[in-house]
Amino acid sequence: MLGDTIAAVSTPRGKGGVALLRVSGEGALAICARVFRPKGSKALADAPSRHAVYGEILAPNGEGEWVSVDDGIATVFRAPASFTGEDTVEICCHGGMLLTETVLTALLAAGARPAEAGEFTRRAFLNGKMGLSSAEALGNILEAQTREQLTLAHTGMQGRLEARCAEIYESLRKILASIYVKIDYPDEDLADLSREEIVSALKICKEQIHALVATYRTGHAIAEGIPTVICGRPNVGKSSLYNRIVGREAAIVTSVEGTTRDVLTETAALGRVTLRLFDTAGLHETEDPVERIGIDRTKQALAEAELVLAVFDGSRAPTKEELHLAEQLRESGAVTVAVLNKTDLGKVCEEEYRTRFAHTVSISAQNGEGMDALAALVERLFTDGALDSRRDAVLTNARQHASAYTALEAVCRALNALEAGFPIDMCCTDAEAAMSSIAEVDGRAVSEDIVSEIFSHFCVGK
């Protein structure tokens, strides 16, 4: 319940130098006053907001008494000037596992209840401290595995997407206000915008939303990551390329064919793009039942991939089997790059592959030659080079994209109706739908189920 006072450990569980426990809700100060006793003469309730106070931490001893278990620091954040918008207290104690659990148990005994996953951030959203897109960006910060993901998430936390959506929302609101006036008072010139100006304003909204929708190509590639399969015949250097991208010896590399028998997975950055990387068993005919299972899993991964890095031994002419594989990959729905490996061995046979693949690059997975060219190619295929992830509003997940795309469709329908000469009231429903959908992007109009789903992925304590 929103009115409850909640408590949780906000630092990772385990032994450390310090641990931080967070308490939020109407009773936060009263509850923490039972657990924390300042060393000075002032009570915790009298402590200045945003000032750290040193004192004793108390916990029940099981015999009806509260005894000192540690010394630490408490910081009071009074509503509404806190992360959650509620009275909040943060207590820092020493980071022992038992001690941290003891302090949390004391807070619960004093009247708090355990916080649910993401409940602090959810309260910040419900209390108007941040929009839903900013809350999602905070989740992305916690989950970031690459520098580019971190940069994009930080931009989202600054409210760039919220501000862009608010601008479009306000434009649609003004358009609708003029439409309603024209409907209610058709014989009077009371509307701020004429019919021609409404058409012009809708065209601007269409362009703005279209530009926003287009950012998802880059946002998806960075934040969600591109499912990427490395495939090819045995012993062409697939695992070496996998290790090169991952940046460590994640896969076993030997001169023996068929070393990789299962699908290995990692998340790694290649330039600006995040790859959800799959290293697969070599594609070839085999009677080995274990290898067959690995090859079946390779084919399944290929069916779900958005990017395929098809590795070939570029130091020799392709075999019939490799040419057949090239034809098969051309028919798949994924973007396919022919990676001609082993340039360190000398001659590279490029022509046979260039006639069969739209994208080719020559590399040496052994020494890293050509990896910058591969990264640049993948960036060009999956991101907008003109988009600045540090400054621009960017859609980063499928929920945001779906809402923005629905808004774009609705604006297009409203615009088409007006340009076709239909009465102005014919576009009302679509203009309202566009306004509602763009509001969903930053959570101004979104269902409880969606909110619950988003925050369920957060950690407890955040």
Protein backbone atom coordinates (compact mmCIF):
# COMPACT_ATOMS: atom_id res chain seq x y z
CA MET A 1 0.00 0.00 0.00
CA LEU A 2 1.19 3.51 -0.84
CA GLY A 3 0.53 4.76 2.72
CA ASP A 4 2.77 2.14 4.36
CA THR A 5 6.26 2.92 5.57
CA ILE A 6 8.72 0.65 3.79
CA ALA A 7 12.29 -0.39 4.52
CA ALA A 8 14.99 -2.26 2.64
CA VAL A 9 18.73 -2.71 2.35
CA SER A 10 19.78 -0.61 -0.66
CA THR A 11 23.35 -1.85 -0.97
CA PRO A 12 24.18 -5.34 -2.31
CA ARG A 13 23.82 -8.18 0.15
CA GLY A 14 27.12 -9.47 1.48
CA LYS A 15 30.12 -8.30 3.50
CA GLY A 16 31.40 -4.79 2.77
CA GLY A 17 32.73 -1.59 4.29
CA VAL A 18 29.30 -0.01 4.78
CA ALA A 19 25.66 -0.89 4.17
CA LEU A 20 22.83 1.55 3.51
CA LEU A 21 19.25 0.97 4.59
CA ARG A 22 16.44 3.13 3.25
CA VAL A 23 13.12 3.88 4.97
CA SER A 24 10.33 5.82 3.26
CA GLY A 25 6.78 6.77 4.20
CA GLU A 26 4.73 8.86 6.59
CA GLY A 27 6.15 7.05 9.63
CA ALA A 28 9.79 7.03 8.52
CA LEU A 29 11.04 9.54 11.11
CA ALA A 30 9.16 7.95 14.03
CA ILE A 31 10.28 4.44 13.09
CA CYS A 32 13.92 5.43 12.62
CA ALA A 33 13.87 7.35 15.92
CA ARG A 34 13.39 3.98 17.66
CA VAL A 35 16.32 2.43 15.78
CA PHE A 36 18.74 5.38 15.62
CA ARG A 37 19.78 7.56 18.57
CA PRO A 38 21.90 10.64 17.72
CA LYS A 39 24.99 11.20 19.87
CA GLY A 40 24.11 14.86 20.37
CA SER A 41 21.27 16.35 22.38
CA LYS A 42 18.86 16.66 19.43
CA ALA A 43 16.44 13.91 18.52
CA LEU A 44 16.46 12.48 15.00
CA ALA A 45 13.13 14.21 14.26
CA ASP A 46 14.86 17.57 14.86
CA ALA A 47 17.79 16.81 12.56
CA PRO A 48 18.18 19.25 9.64
CA SER A 49 17.07 17.81 6.31
CA ARG A 50 19.89 16.47 4.11
CA HIS A 51 22.42 16.59 6.96
CA ALA A 52 24.24 13.45 8.11
CA VAL A 53 23.84 12.72 11.84
CA TYR A 54 26.18 10.42 13.77
CA GLY A 55 24.71 8.14 16.41
CA GLU A 56 23.95 4.68 17.83
CA ILE A 57 21.95 2.01 16.05
CA LEU A 58 19.61 0.03 18.28
CA ALA A 59 17.90 -3.34 17.86
CA PRO A 60 15.66 -5.52 20.07
CA ASN A 61 17.60 -8.15 22.03
CA GLY A 62 14.74 -10.65 22.28
CA GLU A 63 14.13 -9.83 25.92
CA GLY A 64 12.00 -6.74 25.43
CA GLU A 65 14.91 -4.30 25.39
CA TRP A 66 16.51 -2.26 22.60
CA VAL A 67 20.30 -2.34 22.79
CA SER A 68 23.11 -0.75 20.83
CA VAL A 69 24.43 -2.97 18.02
CA ASP A 70 26.50 -0.49 15.99
CA ASP A 71 27.28 3.16 15.44
CA GLY A 72 26.51 4.81 12.12
CA ILE A 73 25.06 7.76 10.25
CA ALA A 74 21.47 8.74 9.51
CA THR A 75 20.36 11.26 6.89
CA VAL A 76 16.84 12.70 6.89
CA PHE A 77 15.09 13.76 3.67
CA ARG A 78 11.78 15.46 4.38
CA ALA A 79 8.86 15.36 1.97
CA PRO A 80 8.55 16.45 -0.74
CA ALA A 81 12.30 17.04 -1.17
CA SER A 82 13.29 13.37 -1.28
CA PHE A 83 13.75 10.70 -3.92
CA THR A 84 10.33 9.19 -3.25
CA GLY A 85 8.56 12.47 -2.45
CA GLU A 86 7.86 11.10 1.05
CA ASP A 87 9.69 11.47 4.36
CA THR A 88 12.77 9.31 3.92
CA VAL A 89 15.63 8.29 6.20
CA GLU A 90 18.82 6.57 5.09
CA ILE A 91 20.87 4.77 7.72
CA CYS A 92 24.47 3.73 7.11
CA CYS A 93 25.98 1.02 9.27
CA HIS A 94 29.02 -1.21 8.99
CA GLY A 95 28.60 -3.74 6.19
CA GLY A 96 28.53 -7.07 7.98
CA MET A 97 25.91 -9.50 6.68
CA LEU A 98 24.47 -10.32 10.12
CA LEU A 99 24.62 -6.69 11.26
CA THR A 100 22.81 -5.44 8.17
CA GLU A 101 20.08 -8.04 8.61
CA THR A 102 19.83 -7.12 12.30
CA VAL A 103 19.29 -3.43 11.52
CA LEU A 104 16.68 -4.26 8.87
CA THR A 105 14.88 -6.54 11.34
CA ALA A 106 14.93 -3.70 13.88
CA LEU A 107 13.31 -1.32 11.36
CA LEU A 108 10.60 -3.89 10.68
CA ALA A 109 10.06 -4.41 14.40
CA ALA A 110 9.71 -0.64 14.80
CA GLY A 111 6.80 -0.57 12.36
CA ALA A 112 8.08 -0.63 8.77
CA ARG A 113 7.25 -3.35 6.29
CA PRO A 114 9.67 -4.89 3.75
CA ALA A 115 9.80 -2.95 0.49
CA GLU A 116 8.84 -4.75 -2.70
CA ALA A 117 11.05 -4.83 -5.79
CA GLY A 118 11.42 -1.30 -7.17
CA GLU A 119 8.96 0.15 -4.65
CA PHE A 120 11.03 3.23 -3.80
CA THR A 121 11.28 4.20 -7.46
CA ARG A 122 7.63 3.33 -8.02
CA ARG A 123 6.67 5.75 -5.24
CA ALA A 124 8.87 8.41 -6.84
CA PHE A 125 6.89 7.92 -10.06
CA LEU A 126 3.48 7.89 -8.37
CA ASN A 127 4.38 11.02 -6.37
CA GLY A 128 5.39 12.90 -9.52
CA LYS A 129 9.12 12.97 -8.78
CA MET A 130 9.95 11.37 -12.14
CA GLY A 131 8.22 10.21 -15.30
CA LEU A 132 7.96 6.57 -16.28
CA SER A 133 10.62 6.90 -18.99
CA SER A 134 13.04 8.35 -16.40
CA ALA A 135 12.24 5.46 -14.05
CA GLU A 136 12.97 3.02 -16.88
CA ALA A 137 16.24 4.87 -17.52
CA LEU A 138 17.16 4.41 -13.86
CA GLY A 139 16.56 0.69 -14.27
CA ASN A 140 18.81 0.76 -17.34
CA ILE A 141 21.56 2.42 -15.29
CA LEU A 142 21.41 -0.42 -12.78
CA GLU A 143 21.56 -3.01 -15.57
CA ALA A 144 24.09 -1.26 -17.83
CA GLN A 145 26.88 -3.51 -19.11
CA THR A 146 28.49 -1.15 -21.62
CA ARG A 147 29.59 2.48 -21.48
CA GLU A 148 27.19 3.44 -24.26
CA GLN A 149 24.27 1.88 -22.34
CA LEU A 150 25.31 3.90 -19.29
CA THR A 151 25.51 7.13 -21.32
CA LEU A 152 22.09 6.58 -22.90
CA ALA A 153 20.50 5.68 -19.56
CA HIS A 154 21.96 8.79 -17.93
CA THR A 155 20.46 10.92 -20.71
CA GLY A 156 17.09 9.30 -20.04
CA MET A 157 17.42 10.09 -16.33
CA GLN A 158 17.87 13.76 -17.23
CA GLY A 159 14.35 13.78 -18.65
CA ARG A 160 15.14 14.41 -22.32
CA LEU A 161 12.49 11.96 -23.52
CA GLU A 162 9.92 13.30 -21.05
CA ALA A 163 10.52 16.85 -22.23
CA ARG A 164 10.17 15.86 -25.89
CA CYS A 165 6.92 13.99 -25.25
CA ALA A 166 5.56 16.89 -23.18
CA GLU A 167 6.25 19.26 -26.08
CA ILE A 168 4.37 17.04 -28.54
CA TYR A 169 1.57 16.47 -26.03
CA GLU A 170 1.09 20.22 -25.57
CA SER A 171 0.96 20.76 -29.35
CA LEU A 172 -1.75 18.11 -29.68
CA ARG A 173 -3.67 19.63 -26.76
CA LYS A 174 -3.76 23.02 -28.49
CA ILE A 175 -4.88 21.42 -31.75
CA LEU A 176 -7.70 19.56 -29.98
CA ALA A 177 -8.79 22.72 -28.14
CA SER A 178 -9.21 24.51 -31.47
CA ILE A 179 -11.09 21.55 -32.98
CA TYR A 180 -13.51 21.43 -30.03
CA VAL A 181 -14.21 25.17 -30.30
CA LYS A 182 -14.95 24.82 -34.01
CA ILE A 183 -17.33 21.93 -33.29
CA ASP A 184 -19.13 23.69 -30.42
CA TYR A 185 -19.26 27.14 -32.04
CA PRO A 186 -19.21 26.52 -35.81
CA ASP A 187 -20.55 29.98 -36.71
CA GLU A 188 -18.14 31.96 -34.55
CA ASP A 189 -14.44 32.61 -35.06
CA LEU A 190 -13.30 31.66 -31.56
CA ALA A 191 -10.66 29.00 -32.27
CA ASP A 192 -6.96 29.81 -31.92
CA LEU A 193 -6.20 27.86 -35.12
CA SER A 194 -7.93 27.88 -38.48
CA ARG A 195 -8.55 24.62 -40.35
CA GLU A 196 -5.45 25.26 -42.46
CA GLU A 197 -3.39 25.98 -39.35
CA ILE A 198 -4.65 22.77 -37.71
CA VAL A 199 -3.51 20.79 -40.75
CA SER A 200 -0.14 22.52 -40.62
CA ALA A 201 0.20 21.86 -36.87
CA LEU A 202 -0.69 18.18 -37.32
CA LYS A 203 1.98 17.89 -40.00
CA ILE A 204 4.55 19.27 -37.58
CA CYS A 205 3.41 16.78 -34.90
CA LYS A 206 3.64 13.99 -37.45
CA GLU A 207 7.25 14.95 -38.27
CA GLN A 208 8.17 15.24 -34.60
CA ILE A 209 6.68 11.86 -33.67
CA HIS A 210 8.18 10.21 -36.76
CA ALA A 211 11.60 11.53 -35.76
CA LEU A 212 11.08 10.19 -32.23
CA VAL A 213 9.98 6.76 -33.52
CA ALA A 214 13.11 6.64 -35.70
CA THR A 215 15.35 6.92 -32.61
CA TYR A 216 14.28 3.45 -31.48
CA ARG A 217 16.58 1.89 -34.07
CA THR A 218 19.54 3.33 -32.17
CA GLY A 219 17.97 2.99 -28.72
CA HIS A 220 17.22 -0.69 -29.29
CA ALA A 221 20.74 -1.36 -30.56
CA ILE A 222 22.31 0.24 -27.49
CA ALA A 223 19.90 -0.40 -24.62
CA GLU A 224 18.28 -3.73 -25.48
CA GLY A 225 21.06 -5.10 -27.67
CA ILE A 226 21.07 -6.89 -31.02
CA PRO A 227 20.68 -10.70 -30.92
CA THR A 228 23.81 -11.67 -32.86
CA VAL A 229 24.86 -15.11 -34.01
CA ILE A 230 28.42 -15.99 -35.00
CA CYS A 231 28.21 -18.92 -37.39
CA GLY A 232 30.23 -20.72 -40.03
CA ARG A 233 31.97 -23.96 -40.84
CA PRO A 234 34.16 -25.61 -38.18
CA ASN A 235 37.59 -24.13 -37.48
CA VAL A 236 37.18 -20.84 -39.37
CA GLY A 237 37.71 -18.74 -36.23
CA LYS A 238 34.21 -18.26 -34.83
CA SER A 239 35.27 -18.65 -31.20
CA SER A 240 38.33 -16.47 -31.76
CA LEU A 241 36.05 -13.69 -33.04
CA TYR A 242 33.71 -14.27 -30.09
CA ASN A 243 36.62 -13.91 -27.65
CA ARG A 244 37.88 -10.82 -29.49
CA ILE A 245 34.50 -9.06 -29.17
CA VAL A 246 33.92 -10.17 -25.57
CA GLY A 247 37.43 -9.10 -24.62
CA ARG A 248 38.47 -12.30 -22.84
CA GLU A 249 38.96 -16.01 -23.40
CA ALA A 250 35.28 -16.89 -22.96
CA ALA A 251 35.29 -19.73 -25.51
CA ILE A 252 37.81 -22.55 -25.91
CA VAL A 253 39.91 -22.18 -29.06
CA THR A 254 41.85 -25.12 -30.48
CA SER A 255 42.92 -26.38 -33.90
CA VAL A 256 40.58 -29.37 -33.44
CA GLU A 257 37.36 -29.08 -35.45
CA GLY A 258 34.09 -29.16 -33.49
CA THR A 259 35.46 -27.75 -30.22
CA THR A 260 32.30 -25.66 -29.73
CA ARG A 261 29.34 -27.99 -29.35
CA ASP A 262 26.86 -25.80 -27.52
CA VAL A 263 25.72 -22.19 -27.90
CA LEU A 264 27.75 -19.78 -25.75
CA THR A 265 26.20 -16.43 -24.83
CA GLU A 266 27.62 -13.09 -23.69
CA THR A 267 26.64 -9.42 -23.84
CA ALA A 268 29.37 -7.20 -25.22
CA ALA A 269 29.88 -3.85 -26.93
CA LEU A 270 31.04 -3.53 -30.52
CA GLY A 271 31.52 0.17 -31.05
CA ARG A 272 28.32 1.90 -29.90
CA VAL A 273 26.20 -1.21 -30.43
CA THR A 274 25.41 -3.75 -27.72
CA LEU A 275 25.53 -7.31 -29.02
CA ARG A 276 23.68 -10.15 -27.32
CA LEU A 277 26.25 -12.52 -28.69
CA PHE A 278 25.87 -16.23 -29.49
CA ASP A 279 28.89 -18.35 -30.43
CA THR A 280 27.62 -21.48 -32.15
CA ALA A 281 28.72 -24.92 -33.22
CA GLY A 282 30.20 -25.21 -36.71
CA LEU A 283 27.62 -25.92 -39.42
CA HIS A 284 28.45 -29.18 -41.18
CA GLU A 285 27.15 -32.70 -41.73
CA THR A 286 27.93 -35.04 -38.85
CA GLU A 287 26.91 -38.39 -37.40
CA ASP A 288 27.97 -37.36 -33.88
CA PRO A 289 24.73 -37.06 -31.86
CA VAL A 290 26.22 -34.40 -29.54
CA GLU A 291 27.40 -32.28 -32.46
CA ARG A 292 23.99 -32.65 -34.10
CA ILE A 293 22.33 -31.19 -31.01
CA GLY A 294 24.74 -28.26 -31.11
CA ILE A 295 24.05 -27.68 -34.81
CA ASP A 296 20.28 -27.77 -34.20
CA ARG A 297 20.73 -25.12 -31.52
CA THR A 298 22.78 -23.07 -33.98
CA LYS A 299 19.91 -23.17 -36.48
CA GLN A 300 17.45 -22.13 -33.77
CA ALA A 301 19.67 -19.18 -32.80
CA LEU A 302 19.93 -18.16 -36.46
CA ALA A 303 16.15 -18.13 -36.77
CA GLU A 304 15.92 -15.62 -33.88
CA ALA A 305 18.93 -13.44 -34.79
CA GLU A 306 18.80 -9.83 -35.96
CA LEU A 307 22.48 -9.88 -36.97
CA VAL A 308 24.52 -12.80 -38.30
CA LEU A 309 28.30 -12.65 -38.40
CA ALA A 310 29.06 -15.38 -40.93
CA VAL A 311 32.72 -16.27 -40.48
CA PHE A 312 34.77 -17.67 -43.36
CA ASP A 313 38.44 -18.53 -43.71
CA GLY A 314 39.44 -15.68 -45.99
CA SER A 315 42.94 -17.07 -46.55
CA ARG A 316 41.62 -19.66 -49.01
CA ALA A 317 38.96 -20.00 -51.68
CA PRO A 318 35.50 -20.98 -50.39
CA THR A 319 34.44 -24.62 -50.50
CA LYS A 320 31.15 -25.81 -52.04
CA GLU A 321 29.75 -26.21 -48.53
CA GLU A 322 30.64 -22.61 -47.67
CA LEU A 323 29.07 -21.31 -50.88
CA HIS A 324 25.93 -23.28 -50.03
CA LEU A 325 25.96 -21.77 -46.51
CA ALA A 326 26.28 -18.31 -48.07
CA GLU A 327 23.16 -18.94 -50.16
CA GLN A 328 21.23 -20.14 -47.11
CA LEU A 329 22.19 -17.09 -45.07
CA ARG A 330 21.15 -14.74 -47.87
CA GLU A 331 17.62 -16.10 -47.53
CA SER A 332 17.40 -15.47 -43.77
CA GLY A 333 15.66 -12.37 -42.44
CA ALA A 334 18.66 -11.21 -40.40
CA VAL A 335 21.24 -8.66 -41.47
CA THR A 336 24.22 -10.79 -42.48
CA VAL A 337 27.86 -9.72 -42.56
CA ALA A 338 30.46 -11.97 -44.16
CA VAL A 339 33.47 -11.84 -41.86
CA LEU A 340 36.55 -12.98 -43.80
CA ASN A 341 38.92 -14.10 -41.07
CA LYS A 342 42.65 -14.92 -40.98
CA THR A 343 44.04 -11.90 -42.83
CA ASP A 344 47.18 -12.52 -40.77
CA LEU A 345 47.86 -15.54 -43.03
CA GLY A 346 48.27 -13.35 -46.09
CA LYS A 347 46.01 -13.42 -49.15
CA VAL A 348 42.31 -12.68 -48.67
CA CYS A 349 39.83 -14.19 -51.16
CA GLU A 350 37.14 -11.49 -51.12
CA GLU A 351 35.52 -11.55 -54.56
CA GLU A 352 33.54 -14.79 -54.13
CA TYR A 353 31.96 -13.39 -50.98
CA ARG A 354 31.34 -9.84 -52.20
CA THR A 355 29.10 -11.18 -54.96
CA ARG A 356 27.04 -13.10 -52.40
CA PHE A 357 26.83 -10.73 -49.43
CA ALA A 358 25.78 -7.09 -49.23
CA HIS A 359 28.22 -6.54 -46.36
CA THR A 360 31.72 -7.99 -46.05
CA VAL A 361 34.70 -7.15 -43.88
CA SER A 362 38.16 -8.70 -43.60
CA ILE A 363 39.66 -9.25 -40.15
CA SER A 364 42.15 -11.19 -38.13
CA ALA A 365 40.52 -12.44 -34.94
CA GLN A 366 44.03 -13.49 -33.94
CA ASN A 367 45.60 -10.01 -33.81
CA GLY A 368 42.54 -7.71 -33.98
CA GLU A 369 43.19 -6.33 -37.46
CA GLY A 370 39.98 -5.11 -39.09
CA MET A 371 37.90 -5.08 -35.87
CA ASP A 372 37.46 -1.30 -36.06
CA ALA A 373 36.06 -1.71 -39.58
CA LEU A 374 33.66 -4.40 -38.35
CA ALA A 375 32.51 -2.16 -35.49
CA ALA A 376 32.00 0.78 -37.85
CA LEU A 377 29.97 -1.40 -40.23
CA VAL A 378 27.70 -2.72 -37.45
CA GLU A 379 27.21 0.82 -36.11
CA ARG A 380 26.22 2.01 -39.60
CA LEU A 381 23.73 -0.85 -39.98
CA PHE A 382 22.02 -0.46 -36.60
CA THR A 383 22.39 3.14 -35.41
CA ASP A 384 21.80 6.66 -36.62
CA GLY A 385 25.18 8.36 -36.70
CA ALA A 386 23.56 11.79 -36.42
CA LEU A 387 21.90 10.88 -33.11
CA ASP A 388 23.75 11.98 -29.97
CA SER A 389 22.92 9.60 -27.12
CA ARG A 390 24.26 12.16 -24.63
CA ARG A 391 21.81 14.91 -25.62
CA ASP A 392 18.92 13.64 -27.75
CA ALA A 393 15.61 12.12 -26.66
CA VAL A 394 15.81 8.42 -27.54
CA LEU A 395 13.26 5.61 -27.28
CA THR A 396 15.02 2.71 -25.56
CA ASN A 397 12.48 -0.09 -25.25
CA ALA A 398 9.63 -1.76 -27.07
CA ARG A 399 6.96 -0.28 -24.78
CA GLN A 400 8.01 3.28 -25.55
CA HIS A 401 8.30 2.53 -29.26
CA ALA A 402 4.85 0.91 -29.42
CA SER A 403 3.22 3.93 -27.76
CA ALA A 404 5.02 6.44 -29.99
CA TYR A 405 4.25 4.43 -33.13
CA THR A 406 0.56 4.22 -32.17
CA ALA A 407 0.56 8.01 -31.73
CA LEU A 408 2.13 8.41 -35.18
CA GLU A 409 -0.53 6.23 -36.80
CA ALA A 410 -3.30 8.20 -35.10
CA VAL A 411 -1.88 11.56 -36.22
CA CYS A 412 -1.60 10.26 -39.77
CA ARG A 413 -5.25 9.19 -39.74
CA ALA A 414 -6.38 12.58 -38.41
CA LEU A 415 -4.29 14.39 -40.99
CA ASN A 416 -5.54 12.23 -43.85
CA ALA A 417 -9.16 12.91 -42.84
CA LEU A 418 -8.64 16.68 -42.90
CA GLU A 419 -6.66 16.66 -46.15
CA ALA A 420 -9.41 14.56 -47.76
CA GLY A 421 -11.91 17.32 -46.96
CA PHE A 422 -13.89 15.51 -44.25
CA PRO A 423 -15.63 17.61 -41.56
CA ILE A 424 -13.25 18.67 -38.83
CA ASP A 425 -15.00 16.59 -36.17
CA MET A 426 -14.00 13.43 -38.08
CA CYS A 427 -10.42 13.74 -36.82
CA CYS A 428 -11.27 14.21 -33.12
CA THR A 429 -11.07 10.58 -32.09
CA ASP A 430 -7.70 10.07 -33.80
CA ALA A 431 -6.23 13.30 -32.41
CA GLU A 432 -7.32 12.24 -28.91
CA ALA A 433 -5.82 8.78 -29.46
CA ALA A 434 -2.51 10.36 -30.52
CA MET A 435 -2.48 12.55 -27.42
CA SER A 436 -3.21 9.55 -25.18
CA SER A 437 -0.53 7.38 -26.81
CA ILE A 438 2.21 10.01 -26.60
CA ALA A 439 1.28 10.43 -22.91
CA GLU A 440 1.89 6.70 -22.41
CA VAL A 441 5.56 7.07 -23.39
CA ASP A 442 6.46 8.92 -20.18
CA GLY A 443 3.69 7.40 -18.07
CA ARG A 444 1.13 10.19 -17.91
CA ALA A 445 -1.47 7.73 -19.16
CA VAL A 446 -0.50 4.14 -18.57
CA SER A 447 -2.18 1.11 -17.02
CA GLU A 448 -1.43 -0.21 -13.54
CA ASP A 449 -0.41 -3.57 -15.04
CA ILE A 450 2.31 -1.91 -17.14
CA VAL A 451 3.60 0.06 -14.15
CA SER A 452 3.72 -3.10 -12.02
CA GLU A 453 5.54 -5.02 -14.76
CA ILE A 454 8.19 -2.32 -15.17
CA PHE A 455 9.02 -2.01 -11.47
CA SER A 456 8.95 -5.76 -10.86
CA HIS A 457 12.31 -5.95 -12.66
CA PHE A 458 14.00 -3.53 -10.24
CA CYS A 459 15.98 -4.77 -7.27
CA VAL A 460 14.59 -4.52 -3.74
CA GLY A 461 15.93 -1.33 -2.17
CA LYS A 462 15.61 0.68 -5.38
